[in-house]
C-alpha atoms as a PDB file:
ATOM      1  CA  MET A   1     136.429 178.557  52.039  1.00  0.00           C
ATOM      2  CA  ASN A   2     136.035 180.388  54.729  1.00  0.00           C
ATOM      3  CA  ASN A   3     132.373 181.274  54.824  1.00  0.00           C
ATOM      4  CA  ASN A   4     132.412 185.135  56.375  1.00  0.00           C
ATOM      5  CA  ILE A   5     133.172 188.022  53.534  1.00  0.00           C
ATOM      6  CA  THR A   6     135.648 189.580  53.938  1.00  0.00           C
ATOM      7  CA  ASP A   7     135.832 193.556  55.337  1.00  0.00           C
ATOM      8  CA  GLU A   8     136.414 194.625  51.711  1.00  0.00           C
ATOM      9  CA  GLN A   9     133.614 192.166  50.121  1.00  0.00           C
ATOM     10  CA  ALA A  10     131.258 193.957  52.651  1.00  0.00           C
ATOM     11  CA  GLN A  11     132.069 197.441  52.124  1.00  0.00           C
ATOM     12  CA  GLN A  12     131.739 197.000  48.206  1.00  0.00           C
ATOM     13  CA  LEU A  13     128.515 195.332  49.067  1.00  0.00           C
ATOM     14  CA  LEU A  14     127.166 198.210  51.454  1.00  0.00           C
ATOM     15  CA  ASP A  15     128.716 200.533  48.913  1.00  0.00           C
ATOM     16  CA  GLY A  16     126.363 198.592  46.345  1.00  0.00           C
ATOM     17  CA  ILE A  17     122.959 198.790  48.969  1.00  0.00           C
ATOM     18  CA  VAL A  18     123.751 201.976  49.306  1.00  0.00           C
ATOM     19  CA  GLN A  19     123.599 203.434  46.142  1.00  0.00           C
ATOM     20  CA  ILE A  20     120.448 201.758  45.249  1.00  0.00           C
ATOM     21  CA  CYS A  21     118.977 203.349  47.887  1.00  0.00           C
ATOM     22  CA  GLU A  22     119.804 206.335  46.907  1.00  0.00           C
ATOM     23  CA  GLN A  23     117.969 205.560  43.513  1.00  0.00           C
ATOM     24  CA  LEU A  24     114.842 204.884  45.658  1.00  0.00           C
ATOM     25  CA  ASP A  25     114.978 207.948  47.561  1.00  0.00           C
ATOM     26  CA  LEU A  26     114.104 205.089  50.678  1.00  0.00           C
ATOM     27  CA  GLU A  27     113.972 206.160  53.973  1.00  0.00           C
ATOM     28  CA  SER A  28     115.953 204.573  56.683  1.00  0.00           C
ATOM     29  CA  THR A  29     112.736 202.362  58.260  1.00  0.00           C
ATOM     30  CA  GLN A  30     112.405 201.898  55.017  1.00  0.00           C
ATOM     31  CA  ILE A  31     115.582 200.775  53.788  1.00  0.00           C
ATOM     32  CA  LEU A  32     115.761 198.704  57.382  1.00  0.00           C
ATOM     33  CA  ASP A  33     112.699 196.387  55.962  1.00  0.00           C
ATOM     34  CA  GLY A  34     113.523 195.646  52.254  1.00  0.00           C
ATOM     35  CA  LEU A  35     116.991 194.772  54.117  1.00  0.00           C
ATOM     36  CA  SER A  36     114.952 192.489  56.871  1.00  0.00           C
ATOM     37  CA  ARG A  37     112.871 191.124  54.208  1.00  0.00           C
ATOM     38  CA  SER A  38     115.579 190.579  51.324  1.00  0.00           C
ATOM     39  CA  LEU A  39     117.394 188.727  54.721  1.00  0.00           C
ATOM     40  CA  LEU A  40     114.568 186.138  55.020  1.00  0.00           C
ATOM     41  CA  SER A  41     113.987 185.684  51.195  1.00  0.00           C
ATOM     42  CA  ALA A  42     118.278 185.390  50.846  1.00  0.00           C
ATOM     43  CA  ALA A  43     118.434 182.436  53.802  1.00  0.00           C
ATOM     44  CA  GLN A  44     114.695 180.549  52.258  1.00  0.00           C
ATOM     45  CA  ALA A  45     116.321 180.092  48.553  1.00  0.00           C
ATOM     46  CA  PHE A  46     119.478 179.043  50.251  1.00  0.00           C
ATOM     47  CA  GLY A  47     117.799 176.683  52.635  1.00  0.00           C
ATOM     48  CA  THR A  48     119.951 177.576  56.084  1.00  0.00           C
ATOM     49  CA  LYS A  49     116.973 177.986  58.629  1.00  0.00           C
ATOM     50  CA  ASP A  50     119.333 179.181  61.431  1.00  0.00           C
ATOM     51  CA  LEU A  51     121.452 182.304  60.444  1.00  0.00           C
ATOM     52  CA  ASN A  52     123.906 184.359  63.331  1.00  0.00           C
ATOM     53  CA  VAL A  53     126.271 186.799  62.279  1.00  0.00           C
ATOM     54  CA  GLN A  54     127.962 188.601  65.184  1.00  0.00           C
ATOM     55  CA  ILE A  55     130.780 190.819  64.650  1.00  0.00           C
ATOM     56  CA  ASP A  56     132.521 191.226  67.864  1.00  0.00           C
ATOM     57  CA  ASN A  57     132.245 194.766  69.612  1.00  0.00           C
ATOM     58  CA  VAL A  58     128.641 195.685  67.289  1.00  0.00           C
ATOM     59  CA  GLY A  59     125.898 193.419  67.373  1.00  0.00           C
ATOM     60  CA  LYS A  60     124.734 190.506  66.078  1.00  0.00           C
ATOM     61  CA  VAL A  61     121.532 188.939  64.305  1.00  0.00           C
ATOM     62  CA  THR A  62     120.319 186.305  64.122  1.00  0.00           C
ATOM     63  CA  VAL A  63     117.337 184.711  61.655  1.00  0.00           C
ATOM     64  CA  LYS A  64     115.753 181.391  62.622  1.00  0.00           C
ATOM     65  CA  LEU A  65     113.085 180.468  60.248  1.00  0.00           C
ATOM     66  CA  GLN A  66     109.853 178.753  60.578  1.00  0.00           C
ATOM     67  CA  ASP A  67     108.789 174.918  58.889  1.00  0.00           C
END
């Protein structure tokens, strides 16, 4: 099983997030705060202490949970 979602799945997930953010009337800084908190919470819930996601020519996100 591939650990990465497809581009289509990523787009569908993003579309859902955008829809919810619009419904909540969130500003860009609030959206980034919410996404960051959600990523940390998801990593903790799934027992992932270290996570690296890289998109070529875009950037990299690193999550390191404290013990």
